[in-house]
All heavy atoms as atom14 arrays in JSON, in Angstrom:
{
  "sequence": "KEVVKLLGFWVSQSSMRVEWALRLKGVE",
  "atom14_mask": [
    [1, 1, 1, 1, 1, 1, 1, 1, 1, 0, 0, 0, 0, 0],
    [1, 1, 1, 1, 1, 1, 1, 1, 1, 0, 0, 0, 0, 0],
    [1, 1, 1, 1, 1, 1, 1, 0, 0, 0, 0, 0, 0, 0],
    [1, 1, 1, 1, 1, 1, 1, 0, 0, 0, 0, 0, 0, 0],
    [1, 1, 1, 1, 1, 1, 1, 1, 1, 0, 0, 0, 0, 0],
    [1, 1, 1, 1, 1, 1, 1, 1, 0, 0, 0, 0, 0, 0],
    [1, 1, 1, 1, 1, 1, 1, 1, 0, 0, 0, 0, 0, 0],
    [1, 1, 1, 1, 0, 0, 0, 0, 0, 0, 0, 0, 0, 0],
    [1, 1, 1, 1, 1, 1, 1, 1, 1, 1, 1, 0, 0, 0],
    [1, 1, 1, 1, 1, 1, 1, 1, 1, 1, 1, 1, 1, 1],
    [1, 1, 1, 1, 1, 1, 1, 0, 0, 0, 0, 0, 0, 0],
    [1, 1, 1, 1, 1, 1, 0, 0, 0, 0, 0, 0, 0, 0],
    [1, 1, 1, 1, 1, 1, 1, 1, 1, 0, 0, 0, 0, 0],
    [1, 1, 1, 1, 1, 1, 0, 0, 0, 0, 0, 0, 0, 0],
    [1, 1, 1, 1, 1, 1, 0, 0, 0, 0, 0, 0, 0, 0],
    [1, 1, 1, 1, 1, 1, 1, 1, 0, 0, 0, 0, 0, 0],
    [1, 1, 1, 1, 1, 1, 1, 1, 1, 1, 1, 0, 0, 0],
    [1, 1, 1, 1, 1, 1, 1, 0, 0, 0, 0, 0, 0, 0],
    [1, 1, 1, 1, 1, 1, 1, 1, 1, 0, 0, 0, 0, 0],
    [1, 1, 1, 1, 1, 1, 1, 1, 1, 1, 1, 1, 1, 1],
    [1, 1, 1, 1, 1, 0, 0, 0, 0, 0, 0, 0, 0, 0],
    [1, 1, 1, 1, 1, 1, 1, 1, 0, 0, 0, 0, 0, 0],
    [1, 1, 1, 1, 1, 1, 1, 1, 1, 1, 1, 0, 0, 0],
    [1, 1, 1, 1, 1, 1, 1, 1, 0, 0, 0, 0, 0, 0],
    [1, 1, 1, 1, 1, 1, 1, 1, 1, 0, 0, 0, 0, 0],
    [1, 1, 1, 1, 0, 0, 0, 0, 0, 0, 0, 0, 0, 0],
    [1, 1, 1, 1, 1, 1, 1, 0, 0, 0, 0, 0, 0, 0],
    [1, 1, 1, 1, 1, 1, 1, 1, 1, 0, 0, 0, 0, 0]
  ],
  "atom14_positions": [
    [[106.12, 128.97, 72.68], [105.7, 129.44, 73.99], [104.53, 128.79, 74.48], [103.98, 129.16, 75.65], [105.52, 130.92, 73.95], [106.79, 131.77, 73.53], [107.89, 131.6, 74.52], [109.12, 132.48, 74.17], [110.21, 132.4, 75.12], [0.0, 0.0, 0.0], [0.0, 0.0, 0.0], [0.0, 0.0, 0.0], [0.0, 0.0, 0.0], [0.0, 0.0, 0.0]],
    [[103.98, 127.78, 73.85], [102.81, 127.09, 74.24], [103.08, 126.27, 75.57], [104.2, 125.8, 75.83], [102.26, 126.16, 73.2], [101.83, 126.88, 71.89], [101.41, 125.93, 70.8], [102.24, 125.27, 70.27], [100.11, 125.79, 70.57], [0.0, 0.0, 0.0], [0.0, 0.0, 0.0], [0.0, 0.0, 0.0], [0.0, 0.0, 0.0], [0.0, 0.0, 0.0]],
    [[102.02, 126.09, 76.32], [102.14, 125.35, 77.62], [102.52, 123.87, 77.33], [102.0, 123.31, 76.42], [100.85, 125.44, 78.44], [100.92, 124.55, 79.64], [100.59, 126.87, 78.77], [0.0, 0.0, 0.0], [0.0, 0.0, 0.0], [0.0, 0.0, 0.0], [0.0, 0.0, 0.0], [0.0, 0.0, 0.0], [0.0, 0.0, 0.0], [0.0, 0.0, 0.0]],
    [[103.43, 123.36, 78.16], [103.92, 121.98, 77.98], [103.57, 121.15, 79.21], [103.79, 121.65, 80.35], [105.45, 121.93, 77.79], [105.91, 120.51, 77.64], [105.77, 122.72, 76.57], [0.0, 0.0, 0.0], [0.0, 0.0, 0.0], [0.0, 0.0, 0.0], [0.0, 0.0, 0.0], [0.0, 0.0, 0.0], [0.0, 0.0, 0.0], [0.0, 0.0, 0.0]],
    [[102.87, 120.09, 79.1], [102.51, 119.21, 80.19], [102.98, 117.78, 79.87], [102.99, 117.38, 78.68], [101.03, 119.22, 80.49], [100.46, 120.59, 80.89], [98.99, 120.54, 81.08], [98.38, 121.9, 81.48], [96.96, 121.82, 81.74], [0.0, 0.0, 0.0], [0.0, 0.0, 0.0], [0.0, 0.0, 0.0], [0.0, 0.0, 0.0], [0.0, 0.0, 0.0]],
    [[103.29, 117.1, 80.88], [103.77, 115.65, 80.73], [103.05, 114.79, 81.69], [103.06, 114.95, 82.92], [105.3, 115.53, 80.96], [105.83, 114.13, 80.97], [105.65, 113.49, 79.6], [107.29, 114.13, 81.41], [0.0, 0.0, 0.0], [0.0, 0.0, 0.0], [0.0, 0.0, 0.0], [0.0, 0.0, 0.0], [0.0, 0.0, 0.0], [0.0, 0.0, 0.0]],
    [[102.31, 113.77, 81.21], [101.76, 112.71, 81.97], [102.74, 111.58, 82.08], [103.24, 111.06, 81.05], [100.46, 112.11, 81.36], [99.13, 112.92, 81.61], [99.16, 114.28, 81.02], [97.96, 112.11, 81.15], [0.0, 0.0, 0.0], [0.0, 0.0, 0.0], [0.0, 0.0, 0.0], [0.0, 0.0, 0.0], [0.0, 0.0, 0.0], [0.0, 0.0, 0.0]],
    [[103.11, 111.26, 83.31], [104.13, 110.22, 83.54], [103.85, 109.38, 84.82], [102.87, 109.56, 85.48], [0.0, 0.0, 0.0], [0.0, 0.0, 0.0], [0.0, 0.0, 0.0], [0.0, 0.0, 0.0], [0.0, 0.0, 0.0], [0.0, 0.0, 0.0], [0.0, 0.0, 0.0], [0.0, 0.0, 0.0], [0.0, 0.0, 0.0], [0.0, 0.0, 0.0]],
    [[104.74, 108.42, 84.99], [104.72, 107.57, 86.16], [106.11, 107.59, 86.84], [107.05, 107.46, 86.11], [104.25, 106.16, 85.73], [104.21, 105.2, 86.87], [103.34, 105.42, 87.96], [104.91, 103.98, 86.78], [103.19, 104.47, 88.98], [104.73, 103.01, 87.85], [103.9, 103.32, 89.0], [0.0, 0.0, 0.0], [0.0, 0.0, 0.0], [0.0, 0.0, 0.0]],
    [[106.15, 107.72, 88.13], [107.36, 108.13, 88.78], [108.57, 107.12, 88.53], [109.71, 107.53, 88.4], [107.14, 108.14, 90.35], [106.87, 106.8, 90.94], [105.61, 106.1, 91.03], [107.81, 105.83, 91.52], [105.79, 104.92, 91.68], [107.1, 104.75, 91.95], [109.19, 105.87, 91.78], [107.7, 103.64, 92.62], [109.77, 104.86, 92.39], [109.1, 103.71, 92.81]],
    [[108.31, 105.83, 88.26], [109.33, 104.86, 88.03], [109.54, 104.5, 86.55], [110.35, 103.68, 86.28], [109.1, 103.63, 88.91], [107.98, 102.7, 88.28], [110.42, 102.82, 89.2], [0.0, 0.0, 0.0], [0.0, 0.0, 0.0], [0.0, 0.0, 0.0], [0.0, 0.0, 0.0], [0.0, 0.0, 0.0], [0.0, 0.0, 0.0], [0.0, 0.0, 0.0]],
    [[108.71, 105.05, 85.68], [108.72, 104.69, 84.29], [110.03, 105.25, 83.62], [110.32, 106.45, 83.59], [107.47, 105.34, 83.56], [107.69, 105.3, 82.18], [0.0, 0.0, 0.0], [0.0, 0.0, 0.0], [0.0, 0.0, 0.0], [0.0, 0.0, 0.0], [0.0, 0.0, 0.0], [0.0, 0.0, 0.0], [0.0, 0.0, 0.0], [0.0, 0.0, 0.0]],
    [[110.78, 104.3, 83.0], [111.95, 104.75, 82.29], [111.55, 105.64, 81.1], [112.27, 106.67, 80.77], [112.7, 103.52, 81.69], [112.95, 102.4, 82.68], [111.94, 101.27, 82.6], [110.87, 101.43, 83.03], [112.37, 100.16, 82.04], [0.0, 0.0, 0.0], [0.0, 0.0, 0.0], [0.0, 0.0, 0.0], [0.0, 0.0, 0.0], [0.0, 0.0, 0.0]],
    [[110.44, 105.35, 80.4], [110.06, 106.12, 79.27], [109.7, 107.47, 79.65], [110.08, 108.49, 78.94], [108.85, 105.43, 78.59], [109.18, 104.1, 78.09], [0.0, 0.0, 0.0], [0.0, 0.0, 0.0], [0.0, 0.0, 0.0], [0.0, 0.0, 0.0], [0.0, 0.0, 0.0], [0.0, 0.0, 0.0], [0.0, 0.0, 0.0], [0.0, 0.0, 0.0]],
    [[108.98, 107.67, 80.73], [108.65, 109.02, 81.23], [109.89, 109.82, 81.64], [109.99, 111.03, 81.31], [107.74, 108.95, 82.49], [106.45, 108.32, 82.14], [0.0, 0.0, 0.0], [0.0, 0.0, 0.0], [0.0, 0.0, 0.0], [0.0, 0.0, 0.0], [0.0, 0.0, 0.0], [0.0, 0.0, 0.0], [0.0, 0.0, 0.0], [0.0, 0.0, 0.0]],
    [[110.81, 109.1, 82.26], [112.04, 109.82, 82.72], [112.86, 110.26, 81.51], [113.47, 111.38, 81.61], [112.91, 108.88, 83.51], [113.94, 109.54, 84.38], [113.3, 110.77, 85.47], [112.34, 109.8, 86.59], [0.0, 0.0, 0.0], [0.0, 0.0, 0.0], [0.0, 0.0, 0.0], [0.0, 0.0, 0.0], [0.0, 0.0, 0.0], [0.0, 0.0, 0.0]],
    [[112.85, 109.52, 80.45], [113.6, 109.95, 79.22], [113.08, 111.3, 78.7], [113.82, 112.21, 78.38], [113.4, 108.91, 78.12], [114.14, 107.59, 78.23], [113.65, 106.66, 77.26], [114.33, 105.32, 77.42], [113.81, 104.18, 76.98], [112.64, 104.18, 76.38], [114.46, 103.07, 77.18], [0.0, 0.0, 0.0], [0.0, 0.0, 0.0], [0.0, 0.0, 0.0]],
    [[111.72, 111.48, 78.76], [111.18, 112.7, 78.27], [111.47, 113.89, 79.22], [111.87, 114.94, 78.82], [109.61, 112.6, 78.14], [108.99, 113.89, 77.74], [109.22, 111.45, 77.18], [0.0, 0.0, 0.0], [0.0, 0.0, 0.0], [0.0, 0.0, 0.0], [0.0, 0.0, 0.0], [0.0, 0.0, 0.0], [0.0, 0.0, 0.0], [0.0, 0.0, 0.0]],
    [[111.47, 113.58, 80.54], [111.79, 114.66, 81.49], [113.31, 115.06, 81.35], [113.56, 116.29, 81.38], [111.53, 114.15, 82.94], [110.1, 114.03, 83.26], [109.82, 114.19, 84.79], [109.88, 115.29, 85.33], [109.5, 113.1, 85.36], [0.0, 0.0, 0.0], [0.0, 0.0, 0.0], [0.0, 0.0, 0.0], [0.0, 0.0, 0.0], [0.0, 0.0, 0.0]],
    [[114.12, 114.14, 81.1], [115.6, 114.44, 80.91], [115.76, 115.36, 79.69], [116.51, 116.35, 79.77], [116.39, 113.16, 80.71], [116.57, 112.34, 81.96], [116.57, 112.79, 83.27], [116.84, 110.92, 81.99], [116.76, 111.71, 84.11], [116.96, 110.59, 83.38], [117.01, 109.92, 81.08], [117.24, 109.3, 83.8], [117.25, 108.67, 81.49], [117.39, 108.32, 82.86]],
    [[115.09, 114.98, 78.63], [115.19, 115.77, 77.39], [114.65, 117.2, 77.63], [115.35, 118.23, 77.17], [114.4, 115.17, 76.25], [0.0, 0.0, 0.0], [0.0, 0.0, 0.0], [0.0, 0.0, 0.0], [0.0, 0.0, 0.0], [0.0, 0.0, 0.0], [0.0, 0.0, 0.0], [0.0, 0.0, 0.0], [0.0, 0.0, 0.0], [0.0, 0.0, 0.0]],
    [[113.57, 117.35, 78.26], [113.0, 118.65, 78.5], [113.89, 119.5, 79.39], [114.09, 120.73, 79.13], [111.59, 118.55, 79.13], [110.46, 118.06, 78.3], [109.26, 117.75, 79.13], [110.12, 119.0, 77.11], [0.0, 0.0, 0.0], [0.0, 0.0, 0.0], [0.0, 0.0, 0.0], [0.0, 0.0, 0.0], [0.0, 0.0, 0.0], [0.0, 0.0, 0.0]],
    [[114.51, 118.87, 80.42], [115.35, 119.58, 81.29], [116.68, 119.94, 80.6], [117.23, 121.04, 80.89], [115.63, 118.71, 82.5], [114.47, 118.68, 83.49], [114.58, 117.6, 84.54], [113.5, 117.64, 85.5], [113.58, 118.21, 86.69], [114.7, 118.78, 87.07], [112.49, 118.23, 87.42], [0.0, 0.0, 0.0], [0.0, 0.0, 0.0], [0.0, 0.0, 0.0]],
    [[117.2, 119.1, 79.78], [118.44, 119.44, 79.07], [118.28, 120.6, 78.17], [119.17, 121.45, 77.98], [118.95, 118.2, 78.25], [119.54, 117.06, 79.02], [119.63, 115.81, 78.19], [120.95, 117.44, 79.57], [0.0, 0.0, 0.0], [0.0, 0.0, 0.0], [0.0, 0.0, 0.0], [0.0, 0.0, 0.0], [0.0, 0.0, 0.0], [0.0, 0.0, 0.0]],
    [[117.04, 120.79, 77.62], [116.78, 121.87, 76.77], [116.28, 123.15, 77.45], [116.04, 124.08, 76.88], [115.74, 121.45, 75.69], [116.37, 120.53, 74.65], [115.39, 120.16, 73.52], [115.95, 119.42, 72.37], [116.69, 120.33, 71.47], [0.0, 0.0, 0.0], [0.0, 0.0, 0.0], [0.0, 0.0, 0.0], [0.0, 0.0, 0.0], [0.0, 0.0, 0.0]],
    [[116.07, 122.96, 78.78], [115.57, 124.11, 79.56], [114.11, 124.51, 79.29], [113.74, 125.65, 79.45], [0.0, 0.0, 0.0], [0.0, 0.0, 0.0], [0.0, 0.0, 0.0], [0.0, 0.0, 0.0], [0.0, 0.0, 0.0], [0.0, 0.0, 0.0], [0.0, 0.0, 0.0], [0.0, 0.0, 0.0], [0.0, 0.0, 0.0], [0.0, 0.0, 0.0]],
    [[113.36, 123.47, 78.94], [111.9, 123.7, 78.67], [111.1, 123.55, 79.93], [111.2, 122.52, 80.56], [111.35, 122.72, 77.6], [109.87, 122.99, 77.4], [112.17, 122.83, 76.28], [0.0, 0.0, 0.0], [0.0, 0.0, 0.0], [0.0, 0.0, 0.0], [0.0, 0.0, 0.0], [0.0, 0.0, 0.0], [0.0, 0.0, 0.0], [0.0, 0.0, 0.0]],
    [[110.29, 124.58, 80.29], [109.45, 124.54, 81.5], [108.22, 123.66, 81.06], [107.65, 123.75, 80.06], [109.05, 125.89, 81.9], [110.12, 126.7, 82.4], [109.64, 128.04, 82.95], [108.38, 128.26, 83.04], [110.5, 128.89, 83.3], [0.0, 0.0, 0.0], [0.0, 0.0, 0.0], [0.0, 0.0, 0.0], [0.0, 0.0, 0.0], [0.0, 0.0, 0.0]]
  ]
}
């Protein structure tokens, strides 16, 4: 239940991978 934050860059493929994974798992 700990707070999750992500530092990314809008066009970064690497950042997008992490966002996809978090969203697939339903992690806020």
